[in-house]
């Protein structure tokens, strides 16, 4: 099924449109990119609100609790001890089985745990491998 984009006037497949939109995904995304470029202060405020809501919804952690966790960890990653620099890449680590929050991690440590699937046996084998290499 085809549809004409109201923005660029090109006839495109219906899958090239977000549901209920009259402009195609390319045009809509280009407008959004331009708006973010023209309104950086609004974009940063919006992202900060989204991060706050995600902490609360996904992990049940309020901003005050998050700030206290940072303080308790001396503003450092719980695994590698690297200092957080106010980055948006400070991750709330949690057990995927119980959803219990374990601490705050840097991006690299969080990704590493995720890649190992939180499996301590595999992580132990990786440590053995690194020691013999």
N, C-alpha and C. Protein backbone atom coordinates (compact mmCIF):
# COMPACT_ATOMS: atom_id res chain seq x y z
N UNK A 1 0.85 -1.18 0.00
CA UNK A 1 0.00 0.00 0.00
C UNK A 1 0.89 1.24 0.00
N UNK A 2 0.54 2.22 -0.78
CA UNK A 2 1.33 3.44 -0.91
C UNK A 2 0.59 4.64 -0.30
N UNK A 3 1.41 5.63 0.07
CA UNK A 3 0.87 6.84 0.68
C UNK A 3 1.79 8.00 0.28
N UNK A 4 1.21 9.19 0.11
CA UNK A 4 2.00 10.37 -0.27
C UNK A 4 2.33 11.16 0.99
N UNK A 5 3.63 11.46 1.15
CA UNK A 5 4.09 12.25 2.29
C UNK A 5 3.67 13.70 2.09
N UNK A 6 3.04 14.28 3.11
CA UNK A 6 2.58 15.67 3.04
C UNK A 6 3.75 16.65 3.09
N UNK A 7 4.91 16.20 3.58
CA UNK A 7 6.08 17.08 3.71
C UNK A 7 6.88 17.14 2.41
N UNK A 8 7.29 15.96 1.92
CA UNK A 8 8.17 15.93 0.73
C UNK A 8 7.40 15.66 -0.55
N UNK A 9 6.13 15.21 -0.46
CA UNK A 9 5.30 14.98 -1.63
C UNK A 9 5.62 13.70 -2.39
N UNK A 10 6.48 12.86 -1.82
CA UNK A 10 6.87 11.62 -2.50
C UNK A 10 5.95 10.49 -2.06
N UNK A 11 5.55 9.69 -3.04
CA UNK A 11 4.73 8.52 -2.75
C UNK A 11 5.63 7.41 -2.22
N UNK A 12 5.28 6.89 -1.03
CA UNK A 12 6.12 5.89 -0.37
C UNK A 12 5.26 4.75 0.16
N UNK A 13 5.93 3.65 0.48
CA UNK A 13 5.27 2.51 1.09
C UNK A 13 4.73 2.92 2.46
N UNK A 14 3.62 2.35 2.84
CA UNK A 14 2.98 2.69 4.12
C UNK A 14 3.91 2.43 5.30
N UNK A 15 4.84 1.47 5.17
CA UNK A 15 5.78 1.15 6.25
C UNK A 15 6.79 2.28 6.46
N UNK A 16 6.87 3.23 5.54
CA UNK A 16 7.76 4.38 5.68
C UNK A 16 7.14 5.51 6.50
N UNK A 17 5.96 5.25 7.08
CA UNK A 17 5.26 6.25 7.87
C UNK A 17 5.03 5.71 9.28
N UNK A 18 5.15 6.62 10.28
CA UNK A 18 4.73 6.25 11.63
C UNK A 18 3.21 6.22 11.62
N UNK A 19 2.62 5.36 12.42
CA UNK A 19 1.18 5.22 12.46
C UNK A 19 0.50 6.56 12.79
N UNK A 20 -0.46 6.93 11.95
CA UNK A 20 -1.24 8.13 12.19
C UNK A 20 -0.57 9.42 11.72
N UNK A 21 0.62 9.33 11.11
CA UNK A 21 1.32 10.55 10.67
C UNK A 21 1.11 10.75 9.18
N UNK A 22 1.12 12.02 8.77
CA UNK A 22 0.95 12.34 7.36
C UNK A 22 2.29 12.58 6.68
N UNK A 23 3.35 12.80 7.50
CA UNK A 23 4.69 12.94 6.93
C UNK A 23 5.45 11.63 7.16
N UNK A 24 6.36 11.32 6.23
CA UNK A 24 7.09 10.05 6.30
C UNK A 24 8.12 10.08 7.43
N UNK A 25 8.66 8.91 7.76
CA UNK A 25 9.63 8.80 8.85
C UNK A 25 10.85 9.67 8.58
N UNK A 26 11.33 9.70 7.35
CA UNK A 26 12.50 10.52 7.03
C UNK A 26 12.25 12.00 7.29
N UNK A 27 11.11 12.49 6.84
CA UNK A 27 10.78 13.90 7.04
C UNK A 27 10.56 14.22 8.52
N UNK A 28 9.84 13.34 9.22
CA UNK A 28 9.57 13.55 10.64
C UNK A 28 10.86 13.55 11.43
N UNK A 29 11.75 12.60 11.13
CA UNK A 29 13.03 12.52 11.85
C UNK A 29 13.92 13.71 11.55
N UNK A 30 13.91 14.18 10.29
CA UNK A 30 14.71 15.35 9.92
C UNK A 30 14.22 16.60 10.66
N UNK A 31 12.89 16.73 10.80
CA UNK A 31 12.33 17.87 11.54
C UNK A 31 12.72 17.78 13.01
N UNK A 32 12.68 16.59 13.57
CA UNK A 32 13.03 16.41 14.98
C UNK A 32 14.51 16.72 15.22
N UNK A 33 15.38 16.25 14.31
CA UNK A 33 16.82 16.56 14.44
C UNK A 33 17.06 18.06 14.37
N UNK A 34 16.39 18.75 13.47
CA UNK A 34 16.55 20.19 13.33
C UNK A 34 16.05 20.91 14.57
N UNK A 35 14.91 20.45 15.13
CA UNK A 35 14.38 21.08 16.34
C UNK A 35 15.36 20.91 17.49
N UNK A 36 15.94 19.71 17.65
CA UNK A 36 16.91 19.49 18.73
C UNK A 36 18.14 20.36 18.55
N UNK A 37 18.55 20.54 17.30
CA UNK A 37 19.71 21.40 17.02
C UNK A 37 19.39 22.86 17.35
N UNK A 38 18.19 23.30 17.04
CA UNK A 38 17.79 24.68 17.28
C UNK A 38 17.42 24.96 18.75
N UNK A 39 17.12 23.91 19.52
CA UNK A 39 16.66 24.06 20.90
C UNK A 39 17.43 23.16 21.86
N UNK A 40 18.74 23.32 21.95
CA UNK A 40 19.53 22.39 22.78
C UNK A 40 19.15 22.43 24.25
N UNK A 41 18.77 23.60 24.77
CA UNK A 41 18.40 23.67 26.18
C UNK A 41 17.14 22.88 26.46
N UNK A 42 16.17 22.92 25.57
CA UNK A 42 14.94 22.14 25.74
C UNK A 42 15.23 20.65 25.63
N UNK A 43 16.11 20.29 24.72
CA UNK A 43 16.46 18.89 24.52
C UNK A 43 17.10 18.32 25.77
N UNK A 44 18.04 19.03 26.37
CA UNK A 44 18.72 18.53 27.57
C UNK A 44 17.74 18.41 28.74
N UNK A 45 16.84 19.38 28.89
CA UNK A 45 15.83 19.30 29.95
C UNK A 45 14.92 18.10 29.74
N UNK A 46 14.54 17.89 28.49
CA UNK A 46 13.67 16.75 28.16
C UNK A 46 14.39 15.43 28.49
N UNK A 47 15.65 15.31 28.10
CA UNK A 47 16.40 14.08 28.37
C UNK A 47 16.56 13.85 29.88
N UNK A 48 16.80 14.92 30.62
CA UNK A 48 16.93 14.80 32.08
C UNK A 48 15.62 14.30 32.69
N UNK A 49 14.48 14.82 32.22
CA UNK A 49 13.18 14.37 32.72
C UNK A 49 12.95 12.90 32.38
N UNK A 50 13.34 12.51 31.17
CA UNK A 50 13.15 11.12 30.75
C UNK A 50 14.01 10.17 31.58
N UNK A 51 15.26 10.56 31.85
CA UNK A 51 16.14 9.72 32.68
C UNK A 51 15.56 9.58 34.08
N UNK A 52 15.04 10.68 34.63
CA UNK A 52 14.45 10.65 35.97
C UNK A 52 13.25 9.71 36.01
N UNK A 53 12.38 9.83 35.02
CA UNK A 53 11.19 8.97 34.97
C UNK A 53 11.57 7.50 34.80
N UNK A 54 12.59 7.24 34.00
CA UNK A 54 13.03 5.86 33.78
C UNK A 54 13.55 5.25 35.07
N UNK A 55 14.36 6.02 35.82
CA UNK A 55 14.86 5.53 37.12
C UNK A 55 13.71 5.14 38.03
N UNK A 56 12.72 5.99 38.07
CA UNK A 56 11.59 5.75 38.98
C UNK A 56 10.73 4.59 38.49
N UNK A 57 10.42 4.56 37.21
CA UNK A 57 9.53 3.54 36.67
C UNK A 57 10.20 2.17 36.60
N UNK A 58 11.40 2.11 36.06
CA UNK A 58 12.07 0.83 35.83
C UNK A 58 12.68 0.24 37.10
N UNK A 59 13.27 1.09 37.94
CA UNK A 59 14.01 0.59 39.10
C UNK A 59 13.41 0.98 40.44
N UNK A 60 12.42 1.86 40.45
CA UNK A 60 11.83 2.31 41.70
C UNK A 60 12.77 3.20 42.50
N UNK A 61 13.70 3.86 41.82
CA UNK A 61 14.70 4.71 42.47
C UNK A 61 14.37 6.17 42.20
N UNK A 62 14.17 6.94 43.27
CA UNK A 62 13.91 8.37 43.12
C UNK A 62 15.24 9.10 42.87
N UNK A 63 15.15 10.34 42.45
CA UNK A 63 16.37 11.13 42.23
C UNK A 63 17.16 11.27 43.52
N UNK A 64 16.46 11.43 44.64
CA UNK A 64 17.14 11.57 45.94
C UNK A 64 17.88 10.27 46.29
N UNK A 65 17.26 9.12 46.05
CA UNK A 65 17.93 7.84 46.30
C UNK A 65 19.14 7.66 45.40
N UNK A 66 18.99 8.05 44.14
CA UNK A 66 20.09 7.96 43.19
C UNK A 66 21.27 8.83 43.66
N UNK A 67 20.96 10.06 44.07
CA UNK A 67 22.00 10.96 44.56
C UNK A 67 22.68 10.38 45.80
N UNK A 68 21.91 9.73 46.68
CA UNK A 68 22.47 9.11 47.88
C UNK A 68 23.37 7.93 47.50
N UNK A 69 22.97 7.16 46.49
CA UNK A 69 23.80 6.05 46.00
C UNK A 69 25.14 6.58 45.48
N UNK A 70 25.08 7.68 44.74
CA UNK A 70 26.31 8.30 44.24
C UNK A 70 27.21 8.69 45.40
N UNK A 71 26.62 9.30 46.42
CA UNK A 71 27.36 9.73 47.60
C UNK A 71 27.97 8.52 48.32
N UNK A 72 27.20 7.47 48.52
CA UNK A 72 27.67 6.26 49.20
C UNK A 72 28.83 5.59 48.45
N UNK A 73 28.82 5.72 47.13
CA UNK A 73 29.87 5.10 46.31
C UNK A 73 30.99 6.10 46.00
N UNK A 74 31.02 7.22 46.67
CA UNK A 74 32.03 8.26 46.44
C UNK A 74 32.09 8.70 44.97
N UNK A 75 30.91 8.70 44.33
CA UNK A 75 30.79 9.12 42.94
C UNK A 75 31.64 8.25 42.00
N UNK A 76 31.76 6.95 42.34
CA UNK A 76 32.59 6.03 41.56
C UNK A 76 31.83 4.76 41.22
N UNK A 77 32.25 4.12 40.13
CA UNK A 77 31.69 2.84 39.71
C UNK A 77 31.94 1.79 40.79
N UNK A 78 30.94 0.99 41.09
CA UNK A 78 31.04 0.00 42.15
C UNK A 78 32.00 -1.15 41.79
N UNK A 79 32.30 -1.32 40.50
CA UNK A 79 33.21 -2.40 40.09
C UNK A 79 34.63 -1.89 39.87
N UNK A 80 34.79 -0.95 38.96
CA UNK A 80 36.16 -0.54 38.55
C UNK A 80 36.68 0.69 39.28
N UNK A 81 35.83 1.35 40.07
CA UNK A 81 36.22 2.50 40.88
C UNK A 81 36.54 3.75 40.06
N UNK A 82 36.16 3.77 38.78
CA UNK A 82 36.38 4.97 37.97
C UNK A 82 35.38 6.03 38.43
N UNK A 83 35.82 7.27 38.46
CA UNK A 83 34.96 8.36 38.94
C UNK A 83 33.96 8.75 37.87
N UNK A 84 32.70 8.91 38.30
CA UNK A 84 31.66 9.41 37.40
C UNK A 84 31.87 10.91 37.23
N UNK A 85 31.69 11.39 36.03
CA UNK A 85 31.91 12.82 35.78
C UNK A 85 30.61 13.53 35.42
N UNK A 86 29.53 13.13 36.09
CA UNK A 86 28.24 13.75 35.80
C UNK A 86 27.66 13.26 34.49
N UNK A 87 28.20 12.18 33.98
CA UNK A 87 27.79 11.65 32.70
C UNK A 87 26.43 11.00 32.76
N UNK A 88 25.74 11.02 31.64
CA UNK A 88 24.46 10.31 31.55
C UNK A 88 24.69 8.81 31.48
N UNK A 89 25.95 8.38 31.43
CA UNK A 89 26.26 6.96 31.35
C UNK A 89 26.56 6.35 32.72
N UNK A 90 25.93 6.87 33.75
CA UNK A 90 25.97 6.26 35.07
C UNK A 90 24.75 5.34 35.12
N UNK A 91 25.00 4.03 35.17
CA UNK A 91 23.91 3.06 35.07
C UNK A 91 23.51 2.50 36.42
N UNK A 92 22.22 2.28 36.60
CA UNK A 92 21.71 1.60 37.78
C UNK A 92 21.76 0.12 37.48
N UNK A 93 22.63 -0.60 38.19
CA UNK A 93 22.75 -2.04 37.99
C UNK A 93 21.72 -2.75 38.85
N UNK A 94 21.13 -3.80 38.31
CA UNK A 94 20.12 -4.55 39.05
C UNK A 94 20.18 -6.02 38.66
N UNK A 95 19.70 -6.86 39.55
CA UNK A 95 19.59 -8.29 39.29
C UNK A 95 18.40 -8.49 38.34
N UNK A 96 18.62 -9.17 37.24
CA UNK A 96 17.55 -9.35 36.27
C UNK A 96 16.50 -10.37 36.72
N UNK A 97 16.85 -11.20 37.71
CA UNK A 97 15.87 -12.18 38.22
C UNK A 97 14.96 -11.55 39.26
N UNK A 98 15.54 -10.78 40.19
CA UNK A 98 14.75 -10.23 41.30
C UNK A 98 14.44 -8.74 41.12
N UNK A 99 15.10 -8.12 40.16
CA UNK A 99 14.98 -6.68 39.89
C UNK A 99 15.50 -5.83 41.06
N UNK A 100 16.30 -6.43 41.94
CA UNK A 100 16.90 -5.71 43.07
C UNK A 100 18.06 -4.86 42.59
N UNK A 101 18.08 -3.60 42.99
CA UNK A 101 19.16 -2.69 42.61
C UNK A 101 20.42 -3.07 43.39
N UNK A 102 21.56 -3.20 42.66
CA UNK A 102 22.82 -3.58 43.30
C UNK A 102 23.75 -2.40 43.48
N UNK A 103 23.68 -1.40 42.61
CA UNK A 103 24.56 -0.25 42.72
C UNK A 103 24.64 0.50 41.40
N UNK A 104 25.58 1.44 41.33
CA UNK A 104 25.78 2.25 40.14
C UNK A 104 27.06 1.81 39.45
N UNK A 105 26.99 1.67 38.13
CA UNK A 105 28.13 1.23 37.34
C UNK A 105 28.40 2.19 36.19
N UNK A 106 29.66 2.20 35.75
CA UNK A 106 30.00 2.94 34.54
C UNK A 106 29.47 2.15 33.34
N UNK A 107 29.49 2.77 32.19
CA UNK A 107 28.97 2.15 30.98
C UNK A 107 29.70 0.84 30.67
N UNK A 108 31.04 0.84 30.76
CA UNK A 108 31.81 -0.35 30.40
C UNK A 108 31.49 -1.53 31.31
N UNK A 109 31.46 -1.31 32.61
CA UNK A 109 31.17 -2.40 33.55
C UNK A 109 29.74 -2.90 33.38
N UNK A 110 28.81 -2.00 33.17
CA UNK A 110 27.42 -2.39 32.96
C UNK A 110 27.28 -3.25 31.71
N UNK A 111 27.95 -2.84 30.64
CA UNK A 111 27.89 -3.60 29.39
C UNK A 111 28.55 -4.97 29.55
N UNK A 112 29.67 -5.01 30.28
CA UNK A 112 30.37 -6.28 30.47
C UNK A 112 29.48 -7.28 31.21
N UNK A 113 28.84 -6.84 32.29
CA UNK A 113 27.94 -7.74 33.01
C UNK A 113 26.82 -8.23 32.11
N UNK A 114 26.28 -7.31 31.32
CA UNK A 114 25.21 -7.67 30.40
C UNK A 114 25.66 -8.68 29.36
N UNK A 115 26.86 -8.49 28.82
CA UNK A 115 27.38 -9.42 27.81
C UNK A 115 27.60 -10.80 28.40
N UNK A 116 27.99 -10.87 29.67
CA UNK A 116 28.17 -12.16 30.34
C UNK A 116 26.87 -12.70 30.90
N UNK A 117 25.79 -11.97 30.72
CA UNK A 117 24.49 -12.42 31.19
C UNK A 117 24.43 -12.61 32.70
N UNK A 118 25.23 -11.84 33.43
CA UNK A 118 25.31 -11.94 34.90
C UNK A 118 25.69 -13.35 35.36
N UNK A 119 26.32 -14.13 34.48
CA UNK A 119 26.68 -15.51 34.78
C UNK A 119 28.08 -15.55 35.40
N UNK A 120 28.17 -15.84 36.69
CA UNK A 120 29.45 -15.83 37.40
C UNK A 120 30.37 -16.95 36.92
N UNK A 121 29.82 -18.07 36.45
CA UNK A 121 30.66 -19.16 35.93
C UNK A 121 31.41 -18.70 34.68
N UNK A 122 30.70 -18.05 33.78
CA UNK A 122 31.34 -17.57 32.55
C UNK A 122 32.33 -16.47 32.87
N UNK A 123 31.99 -15.59 33.82
CA UNK A 123 32.90 -14.53 34.21
C UNK A 123 34.18 -15.13 34.81
N UNK A 124 34.03 -16.19 35.61
CA UNK A 124 35.19 -16.87 36.18
C UNK A 124 36.07 -17.47 35.09
N UNK A 125 35.45 -18.06 34.07
CA UNK A 125 36.23 -18.62 32.95
C UNK A 125 36.96 -17.52 32.20
N UNK A 126 36.32 -16.35 32.08
CA UNK A 126 36.97 -15.22 31.41
C UNK A 126 38.18 -14.75 32.21
N UNK A 127 38.06 -14.74 33.53
CA UNK A 127 39.21 -14.34 34.39
C UNK A 127 40.34 -15.34 34.23
N UNK A 128 40.02 -16.64 34.24
CA UNK A 128 41.05 -17.68 34.03
C UNK A 128 41.75 -17.49 32.69
N UNK A 129 40.95 -17.23 31.66
CA UNK A 129 41.48 -17.02 30.32
C UNK A 129 42.46 -15.85 30.29
N UNK A 130 42.07 -14.75 30.94
CA UNK A 130 42.93 -13.57 30.95
C UNK A 130 44.23 -13.83 31.70
N UNK A 131 44.18 -14.64 32.75
CA UNK A 131 45.38 -14.94 33.55
C UNK A 131 46.37 -15.81 32.81
N UNK A 132 45.90 -16.68 31.91
CA UNK A 132 46.83 -17.55 31.19
C UNK A 132 47.33 -16.92 29.89
N UNK A 133 46.69 -15.85 29.47
CA UNK A 133 47.09 -15.22 28.19
C UNK A 133 48.34 -14.38 28.36
